[in-house]
Amino acid sequence: MNTKLLILSVTLLTFLAFSSVPTRSQTVITFDNPPLNSGTGSYITGAYQGLSWSNFARLNGILSPTVYPTLTSGFYYGVVSASNVAVNAAGEPAEVDSVTNFNFLSAYFTGGWHSNLNIEAEGFNGTNLIYDQTVVASATNPTLFTFNYLNIDRLYFNSFGGQTAFGFDGGNQFAMDNFTFEFIPEPSSLLLTAATALLLWPVLKRKRA
C-alpha cells in the first residue's frame, strides 16, 4: 500500500469513526411509568427500560405511609421524581443486567428503615468484577451518588449496617430513584465494512496485477 493510499485510508476511517458511530444518550429511570396507585409495591419483571432487574420492586413512595399508617419510612423520603422508587425486596441483594454493555453513572439512594445504611454497588463485565463502591445513605434525605461505572453488563447491590431510624427495624431495604445510565453504542456497520474493504485492498490489488 503506497503512501497516498495509506493517507486516504486513515482519513476515511477517521471520518467514518466520527460521523457513523451513534452518539451515547443518557437515560434517567424514574420508575414512575406505569403509575402505581397503592403503596404496596410491585416486582419489576422482565425487561424494564431496556435492562433486566432481579429482586427489585417499584413502590409508590408517596403512598407508602398508607400501608404502615403508624410508621414513617425512607421510602417516603426517598422520592426524587414523584411518585415511585425502586426497592430491594426484603432487604436482600438485588441485580441489574443487560445484554448490551452500559455505563452506570449515578442514582439517588435512601435507607428504607436504617439511617447510615451501607449500600455496596459492584459492577461486572462478564465474570470480572471491575468496580466496587460502598456508599452510606440517609433515611430521611435522598442522596445523589456518582459511580461512573463504564462498560459493564451487570450491577449487584448489597445493603447492610446502619441504625434503626423510625423505631421499627424493617431490614436493609433501600429506596433508589433517578437511576442514570447510558448504553454503549455498537460499532457502525458502515465503519466495519469500510475497514474490511481497506484491509482487503492490497490483496485485491496484487491479484489484479
C-alpha atoms as a PDB file:
ATOM      1  CA  MET A   1       0.000   0.000   0.000  1.00  0.00           C
ATOM      2  CA  ASN A   2       1.598   3.289  -1.104  1.00  0.00           C
ATOM      3  CA  THR A   3       1.732   6.441   0.990  1.00  0.00           C
ATOM      4  CA  LYS A   4      -1.177   8.172  -0.776  1.00  0.00           C
ATOM      5  CA  LEU A   5      -3.445   5.165  -0.314  1.00  0.00           C
ATOM      6  CA  LEU A   6      -2.460   4.883   3.352  1.00  0.00           C
ATOM      7  CA  ILE A   7      -3.269   8.555   3.976  1.00  0.00           C
ATOM      8  CA  LEU A   8      -6.607   8.176   2.174  1.00  0.00           C
ATOM      9  CA  SER A   9      -7.457   5.090   4.222  1.00  0.00           C
ATOM     10  CA  VAL A  10      -6.676   6.737   7.545  1.00  0.00           C
ATOM     11  CA  THR A  11      -8.644   9.844   6.566  1.00  0.00           C
ATOM     12  CA  LEU A  12     -11.682   7.787   5.539  1.00  0.00           C
ATOM     13  CA  LEU A  13     -11.622   5.694   8.693  1.00  0.00           C
ATOM     14  CA  THR A  14     -11.333   8.798  10.859  1.00  0.00           C
ATOM     15  CA  PHE A  15     -14.273  10.414   9.083  1.00  0.00           C
ATOM     16  CA  LEU A  16     -16.413   7.310   9.457  1.00  0.00           C
ATOM     17  CA  ALA A  17     -15.471   6.927  13.097  1.00  0.00           C
ATOM     18  CA  PHE A  18     -16.764  10.394  13.951  1.00  0.00           C
ATOM     19  CA  SER A  19     -19.738  10.519  11.607  1.00  0.00           C
ATOM     20  CA  SER A  20     -21.167   6.995  11.673  1.00  0.00           C
ATOM     21  CA  VAL A  21     -20.906   5.780  15.279  1.00  0.00           C
ATOM     22  CA  PRO A  22     -24.114   6.549  17.212  1.00  0.00           C
ATOM     23  CA  THR A  23     -23.940   9.159  19.958  1.00  0.00           C
ATOM     24  CA  ARG A  24     -24.395   7.925  23.510  1.00  0.00           C
ATOM     25  CA  SER A  25     -27.568   9.130  25.142  1.00  0.00           C
ATOM     26  CA  GLN A  26     -28.121   9.201  28.889  1.00  0.00           C
ATOM     27  CA  THR A  27     -31.319   7.676  30.247  1.00  0.00           C
ATOM     28  CA  VAL A  28     -32.778   8.551  33.639  1.00  0.00           C
ATOM     29  CA  ILE A  29     -35.061   5.838  35.015  1.00  0.00           C
ATOM     30  CA  THR A  30     -37.560   7.400  37.417  1.00  0.00           C
ATOM     31  CA  PHE A  31     -39.585   4.187  37.972  1.00  0.00           C
ATOM     32  CA  ASP A  32     -42.752   6.264  37.547  1.00  0.00           C
ATOM     33  CA  ASN A  33     -44.082   4.509  34.450  1.00  0.00           C
ATOM     34  CA  PRO A  34     -46.546   2.901  34.611  1.00  0.00           C
ATOM     35  CA  PRO A  35     -48.080   4.662  37.631  1.00  0.00           C
ATOM     36  CA  LEU A  36     -48.759   2.746  40.847  1.00  0.00           C
ATOM     37  CA  ASN A  37     -51.948   3.518  42.727  1.00  0.00           C
ATOM     38  CA  SER A  38     -51.042   1.932  46.061  1.00  0.00           C
ATOM     39  CA  GLY A  39     -48.095   1.838  48.427  1.00  0.00           C
ATOM     40  CA  THR A  40     -47.704  -1.943  48.435  1.00  0.00           C
ATOM     41  CA  GLY A  41     -45.294  -2.113  45.503  1.00  0.00           C
ATOM     42  CA  SER A  42     -44.894  -4.389  42.500  1.00  0.00           C
ATOM     43  CA  TYR A  43     -41.941  -6.544  41.440  1.00  0.00           C
ATOM     44  CA  ILE A  44     -40.073  -5.471  38.323  1.00  0.00           C
ATOM     45  CA  THR A  45     -40.275  -8.430  35.975  1.00  0.00           C
ATOM     46  CA  GLY A  46     -38.742  -8.932  32.554  1.00  0.00           C
ATOM     47  CA  ALA A  47     -37.110  -6.046  30.742  1.00  0.00           C
ATOM     48  CA  TYR A  48     -37.761  -2.574  32.135  1.00  0.00           C
ATOM     49  CA  GLN A  49     -36.289   0.461  30.371  1.00  0.00           C
ATOM     50  CA  GLY A  50     -34.027  -1.893  28.406  1.00  0.00           C
ATOM     51  CA  LEU A  51     -32.498  -3.547  31.489  1.00  0.00           C
ATOM     52  CA  SER A  52     -33.260  -6.763  33.385  1.00  0.00           C
ATOM     53  CA  TRP A  53     -33.994  -6.395  37.108  1.00  0.00           C
ATOM     54  CA  SER A  54     -33.720  -9.100  39.780  1.00  0.00           C
ATOM     55  CA  ASN A  55     -35.267  -8.723  43.254  1.00  0.00           C
ATOM     56  CA  PHE A  56     -36.248  -5.113  42.624  1.00  0.00           C
ATOM     57  CA  ALA A  57     -39.760  -3.804  43.187  1.00  0.00           C
ATOM     58  CA  ARG A  58     -41.337  -0.474  42.249  1.00  0.00           C
ATOM     59  CA  LEU A  59     -43.046   1.265  45.139  1.00  0.00           C
ATOM     60  CA  ASN A  60     -45.169   4.403  45.310  1.00  0.00           C
ATOM     61  CA  GLY A  61     -43.191   6.198  47.996  1.00  0.00           C
ATOM     62  CA  ILE A  62     -45.768   8.959  48.404  1.00  0.00           C
ATOM     63  CA  LEU A  63     -48.480   6.406  49.218  1.00  0.00           C
ATOM     64  CA  SER A  64     -46.253   4.117  51.300  1.00  0.00           C
ATOM     65  CA  PRO A  65     -47.471   5.620  54.620  1.00  0.00           C
ATOM     66  CA  THR A  66     -50.946   4.240  53.830  1.00  0.00           C
ATOM     67  CA  VAL A  67     -49.533   0.721  54.183  1.00  0.00           C
ATOM     68  CA  TYR A  68     -47.969   1.441  57.578  1.00  0.00           C
ATOM     69  CA  PRO A  69     -50.109   4.312  58.907  1.00  0.00           C
ATOM     70  CA  THR A  70     -48.263   4.470  62.244  1.00  0.00           C
ATOM     71  CA  LEU A  71     -44.776   4.324  60.694  1.00  0.00           C
ATOM     72  CA  THR A  72     -42.603   6.627  58.646  1.00  0.00           C
ATOM     73  CA  SER A  73     -40.032   5.159  56.280  1.00  0.00           C
ATOM     74  CA  GLY A  74     -37.279   6.160  53.923  1.00  0.00           C
ATOM     75  CA  PHE A  75     -39.452   5.071  51.005  1.00  0.00           C
ATOM     76  CA  TYR A  76     -41.494   8.239  51.518  1.00  0.00           C
ATOM     77  CA  TYR A  77     -38.447  10.464  51.983  1.00  0.00           C
ATOM     78  CA  GLY A  78     -36.571   8.797  49.137  1.00  0.00           C
ATOM     79  CA  VAL A  79     -38.832  10.057  46.340  1.00  0.00           C
ATOM     80  CA  VAL A  80     -36.944  12.367  43.962  1.00  0.00           C
ATOM     81  CA  SER A  81     -39.268  12.307  40.959  1.00  0.00           C
ATOM     82  CA  ALA A  82     -42.829  11.657  42.076  1.00  0.00           C
ATOM     83  CA  SER A  83     -44.045   9.203  42.905  1.00  0.00           C
ATOM     84  CA  ASN A  84     -42.216   5.870  42.609  1.00  0.00           C
ATOM     85  CA  VAL A  85     -38.912   4.451  43.807  1.00  0.00           C
ATOM     86  CA  ALA A  86     -37.177   1.106  43.312  1.00  0.00           C
ATOM     87  CA  VAL A  87     -36.682  -1.059  46.401  1.00  0.00           C
ATOM     88  CA  ASN A  88     -34.511  -4.125  47.014  1.00  0.00           C
ATOM     89  CA  ALA A  89     -37.172  -6.587  48.101  1.00  0.00           C
ATOM     90  CA  ALA A  90     -36.919  -7.859  51.694  1.00  0.00           C
ATOM     91  CA  GLY A  91     -33.591  -6.067  52.052  1.00  0.00           C
ATOM     92  CA  GLU A  92     -31.878  -8.835  50.086  1.00  0.00           C
ATOM     93  CA  PRO A  93     -29.251  -8.348  47.320  1.00  0.00           C
ATOM     94  CA  ALA A  94     -30.631  -7.100  44.010  1.00  0.00           C
ATOM     95  CA  GLU A  95     -29.227  -7.034  40.494  1.00  0.00           C
ATOM     96  CA  VAL A  96     -29.428  -5.197  37.173  1.00  0.00           C
ATOM     97  CA  ASP A  97     -28.297  -6.962  33.979  1.00  0.00           C
ATOM     98  CA  SER A  98     -28.052  -6.089  30.307  1.00  0.00           C
ATOM     99  CA  VAL A  99     -27.198  -7.927  27.091  1.00  0.00           C
ATOM    100  CA  THR A 100     -25.739  -4.630  25.838  1.00  0.00           C
ATOM    101  CA  ASN A 101     -22.901  -3.156  27.849  1.00  0.00           C
ATOM    102  CA  PHE A 102     -23.711   0.106  29.583  1.00  0.00           C
ATOM    103  CA  ASN A 103     -22.290   2.842  31.778  1.00  0.00           C
ATOM    104  CA  PHE A 104     -23.858   3.240  35.220  1.00  0.00           C
ATOM    105  CA  LEU A 105     -23.478   6.919  36.020  1.00  0.00           C
ATOM    106  CA  SER A 106     -25.446   7.809  39.155  1.00  0.00           C
ATOM    107  CA  ALA A 107     -28.542   7.259  41.301  1.00  0.00           C
ATOM    108  CA  TYR A 108     -30.246   8.603  44.405  1.00  0.00           C
ATOM    109  CA  PHE A 109     -30.309   6.305  47.450  1.00  0.00           C
ATOM    110  CA  THR A 110     -32.163   6.463  50.767  1.00  0.00           C
ATOM    111  CA  GLY A 111     -32.224   3.969  53.625  1.00  0.00           C
ATOM    112  CA  GLY A 112     -35.668   2.415  53.912  1.00  0.00           C
ATOM    113  CA  TRP A 113     -35.562   1.717  57.649  1.00  0.00           C
ATOM    114  CA  HIS A 114     -31.950   2.419  58.663  1.00  0.00           C
ATOM    115  CA  SER A 115     -30.009   5.643  58.854  1.00  0.00           C
ATOM    116  CA  ASN A 116     -26.399   5.401  57.660  1.00  0.00           C
ATOM    117  CA  LEU A 117     -27.301   2.351  55.601  1.00  0.00           C
ATOM    118  CA  ASN A 118     -24.327   0.906  53.710  1.00  0.00           C
ATOM    119  CA  ILE A 119     -25.114   0.137  50.061  1.00  0.00           C
ATOM    120  CA  GLU A 120     -22.439  -1.713  48.121  1.00  0.00           C
ATOM    121  CA  ALA A 121     -22.611  -1.499  44.318  1.00  0.00           C
ATOM    122  CA  GLU A 122     -20.480  -3.938  42.317  1.00  0.00           C
ATOM    123  CA  GLY A 123     -20.041  -3.550  38.557  1.00  0.00           C
ATOM    124  CA  PHE A 124     -19.154  -6.561  36.404  1.00  0.00           C
ATOM    125  CA  ASN A 125     -18.069  -7.152  32.832  1.00  0.00           C
ATOM    126  CA  GLY A 126     -18.794 -10.805  32.259  1.00  0.00           C
ATOM    127  CA  THR A 127     -17.463 -12.648  35.311  1.00  0.00           C
ATOM    128  CA  ASN A 128     -14.889  -9.961  36.081  1.00  0.00           C
ATOM    129  CA  LEU A 129     -15.524  -7.578  38.972  1.00  0.00           C
ATOM    130  CA  ILE A 130     -14.486  -4.172  37.602  1.00  0.00           C
ATOM    131  CA  TYR A 131     -15.946  -1.725  40.131  1.00  0.00           C
ATOM    132  CA  ASP A 132     -16.823  -1.928  43.817  1.00  0.00           C
ATOM    133  CA  GLN A 133     -18.035   1.099  45.784  1.00  0.00           C
ATOM    134  CA  THR A 134     -19.936   1.349  49.073  1.00  0.00           C
ATOM    135  CA  VAL A 135     -21.994   4.448  49.828  1.00  0.00           C
ATOM    136  CA  VAL A 136     -23.743   5.468  53.039  1.00  0.00           C
ATOM    137  CA  ALA A 137     -27.366   6.599  52.703  1.00  0.00           C
ATOM    138  CA  SER A 138     -29.519   8.752  54.968  1.00  0.00           C
ATOM    139  CA  ALA A 139     -33.004   7.570  55.912  1.00  0.00           C
ATOM    140  CA  THR A 140     -34.608  10.993  55.640  1.00  0.00           C
ATOM    141  CA  ASN A 141     -32.949  12.610  52.607  1.00  0.00           C
ATOM    142  CA  PRO A 142     -32.235  11.117  49.176  1.00  0.00           C
ATOM    143  CA  THR A 143     -28.549  11.442  48.333  1.00  0.00           C
ATOM    144  CA  LEU A 144     -27.170  11.548  44.794  1.00  0.00           C
ATOM    145  CA  PHE A 145     -24.184   9.236  44.440  1.00  0.00           C
ATOM    146  CA  THR A 146     -21.987   9.283  41.336  1.00  0.00           C
ATOM    147  CA  PHE A 147     -20.481   5.963  40.243  1.00  0.00           C
ATOM    148  CA  ASN A 148     -19.299   6.268  36.621  1.00  0.00           C
ATOM    149  CA  TYR A 149     -19.030   2.500  36.144  1.00  0.00           C
ATOM    150  CA  LEU A 150     -18.001   2.176  32.491  1.00  0.00           C
ATOM    151  CA  ASN A 151     -18.569  -0.715  30.065  1.00  0.00           C
ATOM    152  CA  ILE A 152     -20.322  -3.131  32.415  1.00  0.00           C
ATOM    153  CA  ASP A 153     -23.111  -5.640  31.860  1.00  0.00           C
ATOM    154  CA  ARG A 154     -24.164  -6.366  35.456  1.00  0.00           C
ATOM    155  CA  LEU A 155     -24.746  -4.419  38.674  1.00  0.00           C
ATOM    156  CA  TYR A 156     -25.032  -6.159  42.036  1.00  0.00           C
ATOM    157  CA  PHE A 157     -26.379  -4.269  45.071  1.00  0.00           C
ATOM    158  CA  ASN A 158     -25.974  -5.405  48.672  1.00  0.00           C
ATOM    159  CA  SER A 159     -27.066  -3.348  51.699  1.00  0.00           C
ATOM    160  CA  PHE A 160     -26.137  -3.715  55.352  1.00  0.00           C
ATOM    161  CA  GLY A 161     -25.498  -1.935  58.660  1.00  0.00           C
ATOM    162  CA  GLY A 162     -26.789   1.396  59.861  1.00  0.00           C
ATOM    163  CA  GLN A 163     -29.062   2.221  62.773  1.00  0.00           C
ATOM    164  CA  THR A 164     -32.814   1.840  63.155  1.00  0.00           C
ATOM    165  CA  ALA A 165     -34.271   5.177  62.106  1.00  0.00           C
ATOM    166  CA  PHE A 166     -38.004   5.117  62.766  1.00  0.00           C
ATOM    167  CA  GLY A 167     -38.436   2.937  65.852  1.00  0.00           C
ATOM    168  CA  PHE A 168     -39.027  -0.129  63.692  1.00  0.00           C
ATOM    169  CA  ASP A 169     -36.367  -2.369  62.156  1.00  0.00           C
ATOM    170  CA  GLY A 170     -37.724  -3.360  58.764  1.00  0.00           C
ATOM    171  CA  GLY A 171     -34.374  -4.658  57.494  1.00  0.00           C
ATOM    172  CA  ASN A 172     -31.798  -3.471  54.993  1.00  0.00           C
ATOM    173  CA  GLN A 173     -34.102  -2.163  52.286  1.00  0.00           C
ATOM    174  CA  PHE A 174     -33.154   0.951  50.339  1.00  0.00           C
ATOM    175  CA  ALA A 175     -35.037   3.277  48.036  1.00  0.00           C
ATOM    176  CA  MET A 176     -33.430   4.116  44.687  1.00  0.00           C
ATOM    177  CA  ASP A 177     -34.583   6.835  42.308  1.00  0.00           C
ATOM    178  CA  ASN A 178     -33.413   8.539  39.104  1.00  0.00           C
ATOM    179  CA  PHE A 179     -31.103   5.721  38.044  1.00  0.00           C
ATOM    180  CA  THR A 180     -28.944   7.275  35.297  1.00  0.00           C
ATOM    181  CA  PHE A 181     -27.152   5.170  32.704  1.00  0.00           C
ATOM    182  CA  GLU A 182     -26.238   5.019  29.025  1.00  0.00           C
ATOM    183  CA  PHE A 183     -25.895   2.118  26.627  1.00  0.00           C
ATOM    184  CA  ILE A 184     -22.589   1.737  24.818  1.00  0.00           C
ATOM    185  CA  PRO A 185     -23.349   2.009  21.092  1.00  0.00           C
ATOM    186  CA  GLU A 186     -22.499  -0.846  18.771  1.00  0.00           C
ATOM    187  CA  PRO A 187     -19.792  -0.215  16.148  1.00  0.00           C
ATOM    188  CA  SER A 188     -21.285   1.159  12.949  1.00  0.00           C
ATOM    189  CA  SER A 189     -21.812  -1.444  10.235  1.00  0.00           C
ATOM    190  CA  LEU A 190     -20.632   1.117   7.690  1.00  0.00           C
ATOM    191  CA  LEU A 191     -17.410   1.601   9.632  1.00  0.00           C
ATOM    192  CA  LEU A 192     -16.793  -2.132   9.825  1.00  0.00           C
ATOM    193  CA  THR A 193     -17.471  -2.580   6.115  1.00  0.00           C
ATOM    194  CA  ALA A 194     -15.093   0.233   5.208  1.00  0.00           C
ATOM    195  CA  ALA A 195     -12.386  -1.145   7.480  1.00  0.00           C
ATOM    196  CA  THR A 196     -12.716  -4.609   5.911  1.00  0.00           C
ATOM    197  CA  ALA A 197     -12.528  -3.177   2.404  1.00  0.00           C
ATOM    198  CA  LEU A 198      -9.380  -1.224   3.232  1.00  0.00           C
ATOM    199  CA  LEU A 199      -7.712  -4.273   4.734  1.00  0.00           C
ATOM    200  CA  LEU A 200      -8.526  -6.384   1.654  1.00  0.00           C
ATOM    201  CA  TRP A 201      -7.490  -3.709  -0.857  1.00  0.00           C
ATOM    202  CA  PRO A 202      -3.776  -4.683  -1.032  1.00  0.00           C
ATOM    203  CA  VAL A 203      -4.702  -8.340  -1.609  1.00  0.00           C
ATOM    204  CA  LEU A 204      -7.147  -7.490  -4.388  1.00  0.00           C
ATOM    205  CA  LYS A 205      -4.630  -5.114  -5.960  1.00  0.00           C
ATOM    206  CA  ARG A 206      -1.936  -7.819  -6.063  1.00  0.00           C
ATOM    207  CA  LYS A 207      -4.363 -10.298  -7.661  1.00  0.00           C
ATOM    208  CA  ARG A 208      -5.240  -7.831 -10.431  1.00  0.00           C
ATOM    209  CA  ALA A 209      -1.542  -7.220 -11.044  1.00  0.00           C
END
